[in-house]
Amino acid sequence: MNKIKLSSKFVVALEDILIGDKEKIEKNSVGILESQTGHSAKVHFIVLDQIVEINIDTYRVFDVSKIGDSFSKKICNVCHKLLNTKKFAKNQNAKGDRSVRRPSCTKCRKIIDGVKVKNKTKKEWLLNKPHKVLFTCPVCEKTTVPGVTSKVVLDHNHENGKVRDWICDSCNTGLGRFKDDPKILKRGIEYLEEKDQKRS
């Protein structure tokens, strides 16, 4: 994808737009206006990472600097739709007690969170939660003081809800950021090896 500048014209689809037989751009999808000639426009829709030629009546230009947690609309970082900010769950409070919402809408968040661990299984694992003074994470192998220098959390497979093991919260977040996908993690390793070889 080309580098997007905040000065670019951001557009939102006003209706579902069919592309060929299989794909469609859903209403509220966000794109970048590439060019416009008469009533036809070329828009780079982020969710497809594809430039699509559409009628100018099917989209509206919006000011990207006036969206986000402090405004009434926000773009989901998964489906790339411009949605009411209330469709994003509250995550935490920022400076000045300002509410910060999750970057993914609640619909996409359900997909990300996947299948939860069954309560019975969770209770069984909680009985064996590491309570030692020191805990060594099986992923990063860092030794910490649980509850003092790090949290120890129950890691699980989001596709089937099965528990994997206790790991540190940093590694749990890291695996989640990589969508628990070995292919993405391998690409990350290849990226580091390639870039580090070029630097040495």
Protein backbone atom coordinates (compact mmCIF):
# COMPACT_ATOMS: atom_id res chain seq x y z
CA MET A 1 0.00 0.00 0.00
CA ASN A 2 1.22 3.51 -0.81
CA LYS A 3 2.11 5.74 2.11
CA ILE A 4 -1.00 7.58 3.28
CA LYS A 5 -0.65 11.23 4.27
CA LEU A 6 -3.06 12.87 6.68
CA SER A 7 -3.51 15.52 3.99
CA SER A 8 -4.99 12.80 1.74
CA LYS A 9 -8.73 12.91 1.16
CA PHE A 10 -10.27 10.19 3.29
CA VAL A 11 -13.64 8.91 2.09
CA VAL A 12 -16.36 6.69 3.56
CA ALA A 13 -18.64 4.43 1.52
CA LEU A 14 -22.27 5.51 1.85
CA GLU A 15 -23.61 2.13 0.68
CA ASP A 16 -22.41 -1.39 -0.13
CA ILE A 17 -20.41 -1.34 -3.37
CA LEU A 18 -20.19 -4.56 -5.40
CA ILE A 19 -16.88 -5.37 -7.10
CA GLY A 20 -17.23 -8.12 -9.68
CA ASP A 21 -19.01 -11.32 -8.59
CA LYS A 22 -17.39 -12.09 -5.25
CA GLU A 23 -16.13 -9.02 -3.42
CA LYS A 24 -17.95 -6.05 -2.03
CA ILE A 25 -17.02 -2.97 -0.10
CA GLU A 26 -19.36 -2.64 2.84
CA LYS A 27 -21.09 0.56 3.84
CA ASN A 28 -18.94 2.77 6.13
CA SER A 29 -15.66 1.33 4.73
CA VAL A 30 -12.86 3.90 4.61
CA GLY A 31 -10.71 4.64 1.58
CA ILE A 32 -8.29 7.21 0.21
CA LEU A 33 -9.34 9.25 -2.81
CA GLU A 34 -6.69 8.66 -5.50
CA SER A 35 -8.26 10.64 -8.36
CA GLN A 36 -11.57 11.96 -9.66
CA THR A 37 -12.77 12.58 -13.21
CA GLY A 38 -16.31 13.80 -13.68
CA HIS A 39 -18.64 11.47 -11.76
CA SER A 40 -16.05 8.70 -11.51
CA ALA A 41 -13.47 8.35 -8.73
CA LYS A 42 -10.63 5.97 -7.98
CA VAL A 43 -10.59 5.09 -4.28
CA HIS A 44 -8.01 2.95 -2.48
CA PHE A 45 -10.16 1.00 -0.01
CA ILE A 46 -7.97 0.01 2.94
CA VAL A 47 -9.79 -3.21 3.91
CA LEU A 48 -9.13 -4.70 0.43
CA ASP A 49 -5.83 -2.85 -0.16
CA GLN A 50 -7.20 -2.27 -3.64
CA ILE A 51 -8.04 0.71 -5.85
CA VAL A 52 -11.66 0.62 -6.98
CA GLU A 53 -13.40 2.84 -9.52
CA ILE A 54 -16.73 4.07 -8.14
CA ASN A 55 -19.37 6.74 -8.69
CA ILE A 56 -18.84 9.91 -6.64
CA ASP A 57 -22.39 9.62 -5.25
CA THR A 58 -21.39 6.42 -3.35
CA TYR A 59 -18.92 8.08 -0.98
CA ARG A 60 -18.42 11.14 1.22
CA VAL A 61 -15.10 12.87 2.03
CA PHE A 62 -14.40 13.35 5.75
CA ASP A 63 -11.76 15.11 7.86
CA VAL A 64 -9.51 12.40 9.37
CA SER A 65 -8.21 14.85 11.99
CA LYS A 66 -11.70 15.02 13.52
CA ILE A 67 -12.16 11.34 14.34
CA GLY A 68 -11.03 9.16 17.24
CA ASP A 69 -11.72 8.78 20.96
CA SER A 70 -12.45 12.49 21.47
CA PHE A 71 -14.98 12.62 18.63
CA SER A 72 -18.23 10.88 17.66
CA LYS A 73 -16.60 8.69 14.96
CA LYS A 74 -13.58 6.40 14.88
CA ILE A 75 -11.99 4.01 12.32
CA CYS A 76 -11.69 0.34 13.31
CA ASN A 77 -8.15 -0.96 12.81
CA VAL A 78 -9.46 -4.34 11.57
CA CYS A 79 -12.51 -3.78 9.31
CA HIS A 80 -11.46 -0.17 8.49
CA LYS A 81 -14.98 1.19 8.84
CA LEU A 82 -15.86 4.65 10.11
CA LEU A 83 -18.17 3.91 13.04
CA ASN A 84 -19.78 5.64 15.99
CA THR A 85 -17.21 5.80 18.80
CA LYS A 86 -19.68 3.99 21.08
CA LYS A 87 -19.11 0.86 18.95
CA PHE A 88 -15.62 0.61 20.51
CA ALA A 89 -15.35 -0.78 24.06
CA LYS A 90 -13.68 1.37 26.70
CA ASN A 91 -10.14 0.22 27.36
CA GLN A 92 -8.61 2.60 29.88
CA ASN A 93 -8.37 6.24 30.86
CA ALA A 94 -5.67 8.51 29.52
CA LYS A 95 -4.18 11.73 30.89
CA GLY A 96 -6.82 14.01 32.37
CA ASP A 97 -9.14 11.01 32.91
CA ARG A 98 -9.97 11.04 29.18
CA SER A 99 -11.62 7.81 28.06
CA VAL A 100 -9.61 5.66 25.64
CA ARG A 101 -11.41 3.06 23.58
CA ARG A 102 -10.09 -0.10 21.96
CA PRO A 103 -8.73 0.31 18.41
CA SER A 104 -11.02 -2.48 17.12
CA CYS A 105 -14.82 -2.21 17.06
CA THR A 106 -16.81 -4.59 19.29
CA LYS A 107 -17.77 -6.77 16.28
CA CYS A 108 -14.13 -7.25 15.23
CA ARG A 109 -13.07 -7.60 18.88
CA LYS A 110 -15.31 -10.67 19.24
CA ILE A 111 -13.46 -12.28 16.32
CA ILE A 112 -10.07 -11.33 17.80
CA ASP A 113 -11.00 -12.65 21.25
CA GLY A 114 -12.30 -15.87 19.71
CA VAL A 115 -13.35 -18.82 21.85
CA LYS A 116 -12.95 -18.22 25.58
CA VAL A 117 -11.63 -20.74 28.09
CA LYS A 118 -14.46 -22.67 29.72
CA ASN A 119 -15.10 -21.62 33.35
CA LYS A 120 -14.50 -25.16 34.64
CA THR A 121 -11.14 -25.36 32.88
CA LYS A 122 -10.20 -21.88 34.09
CA LYS A 123 -10.95 -22.83 37.70
CA GLU A 124 -8.83 -25.99 37.38
CA TRP A 125 -5.89 -23.99 36.03
CA LEU A 126 -6.30 -21.28 38.68
CA LEU A 127 -5.75 -23.93 41.36
CA ASN A 128 -2.27 -24.46 39.89
CA LYS A 129 -1.42 -20.82 39.17
CA PRO A 130 2.28 -20.21 39.83
CA HIS A 131 2.51 -18.78 43.35
CA LYS A 132 6.27 -19.06 43.70
CA VAL A 133 8.29 -15.99 44.54
CA LEU A 134 9.88 -16.25 41.09
CA PHE A 135 8.31 -17.21 37.76
CA THR A 136 10.18 -17.92 34.52
CA CYS A 137 8.09 -17.35 31.39
CA PRO A 138 8.30 -20.33 28.98
CA VAL A 139 8.28 -17.92 25.99
CA CYS A 140 10.78 -15.15 26.80
CA GLU A 141 12.50 -17.07 29.65
CA LYS A 142 12.53 -13.89 31.72
CA THR A 143 12.32 -14.49 35.46
CA THR A 144 10.00 -12.10 37.32
CA VAL A 145 8.20 -11.71 40.63
CA PRO A 146 4.52 -12.49 39.87
CA GLY A 147 2.21 -9.66 40.87
CA VAL A 148 5.17 -7.38 41.62
CA THR A 149 7.33 -7.01 38.50
CA SER A 150 4.92 -8.67 36.05
CA LYS A 151 1.59 -10.42 35.76
CA VAL A 152 1.33 -14.14 35.07
CA VAL A 153 -1.59 -14.86 32.75
CA LEU A 154 -3.32 -17.90 31.33
CA ASP A 155 -2.56 -18.17 27.62
CA HIS A 156 -5.06 -20.01 25.41
CA ASN A 157 -5.83 -20.88 21.80
CA HIS A 158 -8.44 -18.39 20.56
CA GLU A 159 -9.75 -20.78 17.89
CA ASN A 160 -10.71 -23.63 20.23
CA GLY A 161 -10.50 -22.17 23.75
CA LYS A 162 -7.87 -24.69 24.95
CA VAL A 163 -5.37 -23.50 27.55
CA ARG A 164 -1.71 -23.53 26.53
CA ASP A 165 0.11 -22.52 29.74
CA TRP A 166 0.92 -19.72 32.16
CA ILE A 167 3.08 -17.01 30.56
CA CYS A 168 4.00 -13.41 31.37
CA ASP A 169 1.54 -10.72 30.30
CA SER A 170 4.08 -9.15 27.89
CA CYS A 171 4.43 -12.38 25.92
CA ASN A 172 0.67 -12.91 26.00
CA THR A 173 0.17 -9.44 24.51
CA GLY A 174 2.95 -10.08 21.98
CA LEU A 175 1.43 -13.34 20.78
CA GLY A 176 -1.94 -11.61 20.51
CA ARG A 177 -0.43 -8.81 18.44
CA PHE A 178 0.87 -11.47 16.06
CA LYS A 179 -2.65 -12.99 16.01
CA ASP A 180 -1.28 -16.23 17.57
CA ASP A 181 -0.23 -17.07 14.00
CA PRO A 182 3.05 -18.99 13.51
CA LYS A 183 3.23 -17.76 9.88
CA ILE A 184 3.23 -14.13 11.01
CA LEU A 185 5.79 -14.90 13.73
CA LYS A 186 8.02 -16.62 11.13
CA ARG A 187 7.77 -13.58 8.87
CA GLY A 188 8.76 -11.47 11.89
CA ILE A 189 11.84 -13.68 12.44
CA GLU A 190 12.74 -13.52 8.73
CA TYR A 191 12.32 -9.73 8.81
CA LEU A 192 14.65 -9.36 11.83
CA GLU A 193 17.26 -11.71 10.34
CA GLU A 194 17.19 -9.98 6.96
CA LYS A 195 17.34 -6.43 8.34
CA ASP A 196 20.01 -7.26 10.94
CA GLN A 197 22.19 -8.92 8.29
CA LYS A 198 22.01 -5.77 6.16
CA ARG A 199 23.12 -3.64 9.13
CA SER A 200 26.11 -5.77 10.08
